[in-house]
N, C-alpha and C. Protein backbone atom coordinates (compact mmCIF):
# COMPACT_ATOMS: atom_id res chain seq x y z
N MET A 1 -12.66 -9.13 7.15
CA MET A 1 -11.53 -9.45 8.01
C MET A 1 -11.50 -10.93 8.32
N ALA A 2 -11.03 -11.27 9.52
CA ALA A 2 -10.91 -12.68 9.88
C ALA A 2 -12.25 -13.23 10.34
N ASP A 3 -12.47 -14.52 10.07
CA ASP A 3 -13.69 -15.14 10.55
C ASP A 3 -13.51 -15.53 12.01
N GLU A 4 -14.59 -15.97 12.64
CA GLU A 4 -14.56 -16.29 14.07
C GLU A 4 -13.57 -17.39 14.41
N LYS A 5 -13.34 -18.38 13.51
CA LYS A 5 -12.42 -19.47 13.79
C LYS A 5 -10.98 -18.99 13.92
N SER A 6 -10.62 -17.88 13.25
CA SER A 6 -9.24 -17.42 13.29
C SER A 6 -8.99 -16.46 14.45
N ARG A 7 -10.00 -16.12 15.21
CA ARG A 7 -9.83 -15.22 16.34
C ARG A 7 -9.03 -15.90 17.44
N THR A 8 -8.27 -15.12 18.17
CA THR A 8 -7.39 -15.66 19.20
C THR A 8 -8.06 -15.62 20.56
N PRO A 9 -8.28 -16.76 21.19
CA PRO A 9 -8.75 -16.74 22.56
C PRO A 9 -7.70 -16.11 23.45
N LYS A 10 -8.12 -15.40 24.49
CA LYS A 10 -7.14 -14.78 25.38
C LYS A 10 -6.20 -15.83 25.94
N GLY A 11 -4.90 -15.55 25.86
CA GLY A 11 -3.90 -16.43 26.42
C GLY A 11 -3.60 -17.67 25.61
N GLY A 12 -4.20 -17.82 24.44
CA GLY A 12 -4.00 -19.04 23.66
C GLY A 12 -2.89 -18.91 22.65
N VAL A 13 -1.68 -19.31 23.03
CA VAL A 13 -0.54 -19.19 22.12
C VAL A 13 -0.73 -20.05 20.87
N GLY A 14 -1.25 -21.25 21.02
CA GLY A 14 -1.48 -22.11 19.86
C GLY A 14 -2.49 -21.50 18.91
N ALA A 15 -3.56 -20.94 19.47
CA ALA A 15 -4.58 -20.29 18.64
C ALA A 15 -4.01 -19.05 17.96
N ALA A 16 -3.12 -18.33 18.64
CA ALA A 16 -2.50 -17.14 18.05
C ALA A 16 -1.65 -17.52 16.84
N VAL A 17 -0.87 -18.59 16.99
CA VAL A 17 -0.02 -19.04 15.89
C VAL A 17 -0.86 -19.48 14.70
N ARG A 18 -1.90 -20.28 14.95
CA ARG A 18 -2.78 -20.73 13.86
C ARG A 18 -3.46 -19.55 13.17
N ALA A 19 -3.92 -18.57 13.95
CA ALA A 19 -4.57 -17.39 13.37
C ALA A 19 -3.59 -16.59 12.52
N ALA A 20 -2.38 -16.39 13.03
CA ALA A 20 -1.38 -15.60 12.30
C ALA A 20 -1.00 -16.27 10.99
N VAL A 21 -0.70 -17.57 11.04
CA VAL A 21 -0.31 -18.31 9.83
C VAL A 21 -1.46 -18.33 8.83
N GLY A 22 -2.67 -18.63 9.30
CA GLY A 22 -3.82 -18.71 8.40
C GLY A 22 -4.13 -17.41 7.70
N GLN A 23 -4.14 -16.31 8.46
CA GLN A 23 -4.43 -15.02 7.87
C GLN A 23 -3.30 -14.55 6.95
N PHE A 24 -2.06 -14.82 7.34
CA PHE A 24 -0.92 -14.46 6.51
C PHE A 24 -0.96 -15.20 5.18
N GLU A 25 -1.21 -16.52 5.22
CA GLU A 25 -1.29 -17.31 3.99
C GLU A 25 -2.43 -16.82 3.10
N GLU A 26 -3.57 -16.49 3.70
CA GLU A 26 -4.71 -16.01 2.92
C GLU A 26 -4.39 -14.69 2.23
N LEU A 27 -3.71 -13.80 2.92
CA LEU A 27 -3.41 -12.49 2.37
C LEU A 27 -2.30 -12.52 1.32
N THR A 28 -1.27 -13.34 1.54
CA THR A 28 -0.10 -13.33 0.67
C THR A 28 -0.09 -14.43 -0.37
N SER A 29 -0.91 -15.45 -0.20
CA SER A 29 -0.94 -16.64 -1.05
C SER A 29 0.29 -17.51 -0.92
N PHE A 30 1.14 -17.26 0.09
CA PHE A 30 2.23 -18.18 0.39
C PHE A 30 1.62 -19.36 1.12
N SER A 31 1.92 -20.58 0.65
CA SER A 31 1.40 -21.75 1.34
C SER A 31 2.53 -22.46 2.06
N GLY A 32 2.16 -23.23 3.05
CA GLY A 32 3.17 -23.99 3.79
C GLY A 32 4.00 -23.15 4.73
N ALA A 33 3.45 -22.04 5.18
CA ALA A 33 4.17 -21.19 6.12
C ALA A 33 4.41 -21.95 7.42
N ALA A 34 5.62 -21.79 7.97
CA ALA A 34 5.98 -22.49 9.20
C ALA A 34 6.31 -21.48 10.29
N PRO A 35 5.61 -21.55 11.41
CA PRO A 35 5.92 -20.63 12.51
C PRO A 35 7.27 -20.99 13.13
N THR A 36 8.08 -19.97 13.38
CA THR A 36 9.40 -20.21 13.99
C THR A 36 9.59 -19.44 15.28
N GLY A 37 8.61 -18.64 15.67
CA GLY A 37 8.69 -17.91 16.92
C GLY A 37 7.37 -17.24 17.22
N VAL A 38 7.13 -17.02 18.52
CA VAL A 38 5.89 -16.35 18.93
C VAL A 38 6.14 -15.65 20.27
N ARG A 39 5.52 -14.48 20.44
CA ARG A 39 5.60 -13.79 21.73
C ARG A 39 4.39 -12.88 21.88
N ARG A 40 4.03 -12.62 23.12
CA ARG A 40 3.00 -11.64 23.42
C ARG A 40 3.55 -10.28 23.06
N ASP A 41 2.70 -9.43 22.52
CA ASP A 41 3.11 -8.07 22.17
C ASP A 41 2.00 -7.13 22.62
N GLY A 42 2.11 -6.65 23.84
CA GLY A 42 1.05 -5.83 24.41
C GLY A 42 -0.19 -6.69 24.60
N ASP A 43 -1.30 -6.29 23.99
CA ASP A 43 -2.54 -7.05 24.07
C ASP A 43 -2.66 -8.09 22.96
N GLY A 44 -1.75 -8.06 21.99
CA GLY A 44 -1.83 -8.99 20.87
C GLY A 44 -0.67 -9.96 20.86
N TRP A 45 -0.34 -10.43 19.67
CA TRP A 45 0.72 -11.42 19.49
C TRP A 45 1.59 -11.03 18.31
N SER A 46 2.84 -11.44 18.34
CA SER A 46 3.78 -11.29 17.23
C SER A 46 4.32 -12.69 16.92
N VAL A 47 4.16 -13.12 15.68
CA VAL A 47 4.55 -14.48 15.27
C VAL A 47 5.55 -14.38 14.12
N LEU A 48 6.65 -15.11 14.23
CA LEU A 48 7.61 -15.21 13.13
C LEU A 48 7.22 -16.40 12.25
N VAL A 49 7.19 -16.15 10.95
CA VAL A 49 6.73 -17.17 10.00
C VAL A 49 7.76 -17.27 8.87
N ASP A 50 8.21 -18.49 8.57
CA ASP A 50 9.12 -18.73 7.44
C ASP A 50 8.32 -19.29 6.27
N VAL A 51 8.63 -18.77 5.07
CA VAL A 51 7.95 -19.22 3.85
C VAL A 51 8.96 -19.40 2.72
N VAL A 52 8.58 -20.19 1.73
CA VAL A 52 9.35 -20.29 0.50
C VAL A 52 8.83 -19.19 -0.43
N GLU A 53 9.68 -18.22 -0.74
CA GLU A 53 9.26 -17.14 -1.64
C GLU A 53 9.48 -17.51 -3.10
N ILE A 54 10.59 -18.20 -3.39
CA ILE A 54 10.90 -18.61 -4.76
C ILE A 54 11.34 -20.06 -4.71
N GLU A 55 10.56 -20.92 -5.34
CA GLU A 55 10.87 -22.36 -5.38
C GLU A 55 11.88 -22.61 -6.49
N ARG A 56 12.97 -23.29 -6.16
CA ARG A 56 14.01 -23.61 -7.15
C ARG A 56 14.38 -25.07 -7.04
N VAL A 57 15.06 -25.56 -8.09
CA VAL A 57 15.58 -26.92 -8.10
C VAL A 57 17.09 -26.80 -8.19
N PRO A 58 17.83 -27.42 -7.29
CA PRO A 58 17.39 -28.23 -6.17
C PRO A 58 16.76 -27.33 -5.08
N SER A 59 16.01 -27.94 -4.18
CA SER A 59 15.27 -27.18 -3.17
C SER A 59 16.19 -26.39 -2.25
N THR A 60 17.44 -26.81 -2.12
CA THR A 60 18.37 -26.06 -1.28
C THR A 60 18.69 -24.69 -1.86
N ALA A 61 18.36 -24.46 -3.13
CA ALA A 61 18.57 -23.16 -3.76
C ALA A 61 17.33 -22.27 -3.68
N SER A 62 16.24 -22.78 -3.11
CA SER A 62 15.02 -21.98 -2.98
C SER A 62 15.28 -20.76 -2.10
N VAL A 63 14.55 -19.68 -2.38
CA VAL A 63 14.67 -18.46 -1.59
C VAL A 63 13.59 -18.48 -0.51
N MET A 64 14.03 -18.39 0.72
CA MET A 64 13.15 -18.39 1.88
C MET A 64 13.05 -16.97 2.44
N ALA A 65 12.05 -16.74 3.26
CA ALA A 65 11.92 -15.45 3.92
C ALA A 65 11.29 -15.65 5.29
N THR A 66 11.68 -14.78 6.22
CA THR A 66 11.07 -14.75 7.54
C THR A 66 10.25 -13.48 7.65
N TYR A 67 8.99 -13.63 8.03
CA TYR A 67 8.08 -12.51 8.23
C TYR A 67 7.66 -12.43 9.69
N ARG A 68 7.48 -11.21 10.17
CA ARG A 68 6.84 -11.00 11.46
C ARG A 68 5.38 -10.66 11.19
N VAL A 69 4.48 -11.44 11.79
CA VAL A 69 3.04 -11.24 11.61
C VAL A 69 2.47 -10.82 12.96
N ASP A 70 1.84 -9.65 12.99
CA ASP A 70 1.29 -9.11 14.22
C ASP A 70 -0.23 -9.25 14.24
N LEU A 71 -0.74 -9.72 15.38
CA LEU A 71 -2.18 -9.83 15.60
C LEU A 71 -2.59 -8.86 16.69
N ASP A 72 -3.80 -8.30 16.55
CA ASP A 72 -4.33 -7.45 17.61
C ASP A 72 -4.96 -8.31 18.71
N GLU A 73 -5.55 -7.66 19.70
CA GLU A 73 -6.12 -8.39 20.84
C GLU A 73 -7.29 -9.29 20.46
N SER A 74 -7.91 -9.06 19.30
CA SER A 74 -9.02 -9.90 18.85
C SER A 74 -8.56 -11.07 17.99
N GLY A 75 -7.27 -11.12 17.67
CA GLY A 75 -6.76 -12.18 16.81
C GLY A 75 -6.80 -11.83 15.34
N ASP A 76 -7.08 -10.56 15.02
CA ASP A 76 -7.10 -10.12 13.63
C ASP A 76 -5.70 -9.65 13.22
N LEU A 77 -5.36 -9.87 11.97
CA LEU A 77 -4.08 -9.43 11.44
C LEU A 77 -3.97 -7.92 11.55
N ALA A 78 -2.94 -7.45 12.23
CA ALA A 78 -2.72 -6.01 12.39
C ALA A 78 -1.64 -5.52 11.43
N GLY A 79 -0.77 -6.43 10.98
CA GLY A 79 0.28 -6.06 10.04
C GLY A 79 1.30 -7.18 9.91
N TYR A 80 2.13 -7.06 8.87
CA TYR A 80 3.22 -8.00 8.72
C TYR A 80 4.35 -7.31 7.98
N GLU A 81 5.57 -7.82 8.14
CA GLU A 81 6.71 -7.30 7.40
C GLU A 81 7.76 -8.39 7.24
N ARG A 82 8.45 -8.34 6.10
CA ARG A 82 9.54 -9.29 5.86
C ARG A 82 10.75 -8.81 6.62
N LEU A 83 11.34 -9.71 7.40
CA LEU A 83 12.52 -9.38 8.19
C LEU A 83 13.81 -9.76 7.49
N ARG A 84 13.79 -10.89 6.75
CA ARG A 84 15.00 -11.32 6.05
C ARG A 84 14.66 -12.28 4.94
N ARG A 85 15.56 -12.38 3.94
CA ARG A 85 15.49 -13.37 2.87
C ARG A 85 16.81 -14.13 2.88
N TYR A 86 16.74 -15.41 2.52
CA TYR A 86 17.94 -16.23 2.54
C TYR A 86 17.73 -17.46 1.68
N ASN A 87 18.82 -18.06 1.24
CA ASN A 87 18.73 -19.33 0.52
C ASN A 87 18.47 -20.44 1.53
N ARG A 88 17.64 -21.39 1.13
CA ARG A 88 17.25 -22.46 2.05
C ARG A 88 18.47 -23.16 2.66
N GLY A 89 19.52 -23.35 1.92
CA GLY A 89 20.70 -24.06 2.43
C GLY A 89 21.61 -23.20 3.27
N ALA A 90 21.31 -21.91 3.43
CA ALA A 90 22.19 -21.01 4.18
C ALA A 90 22.02 -21.20 5.68
N VAL A 91 23.10 -20.96 6.39
CA VAL A 91 23.10 -21.03 7.85
C VAL A 91 23.52 -19.67 8.37
N ASP A 92 22.83 -19.19 9.42
CA ASP A 92 23.20 -17.91 10.02
C ASP A 92 24.58 -18.00 10.63
N PRO A 93 25.37 -16.91 10.53
CA PRO A 93 26.68 -16.93 11.17
C PRO A 93 26.51 -16.97 12.69
N THR A 94 27.46 -17.62 13.35
CA THR A 94 27.37 -17.74 14.82
C THR A 94 28.10 -16.64 15.52
């Protein structure tokens, strides 16, 4: 599982985000994941992470995805799921 460095100290939002991104990248091999949201979820954390799923040229044509990464109370990865896919240049409707 996760090593001691990736464990989440209680109440540490920054540590939770680093743990979620690090464990997610290790498991999926997506690099350069960018956190876009975080919230407490019971005793653990839920972090939204954006990644490039398919790199294209020009980069605005790349396929991006948003994943929700859940951590348990110890800071270990409890699960993840893809919430949406979109082209990098796309904007959400208002």
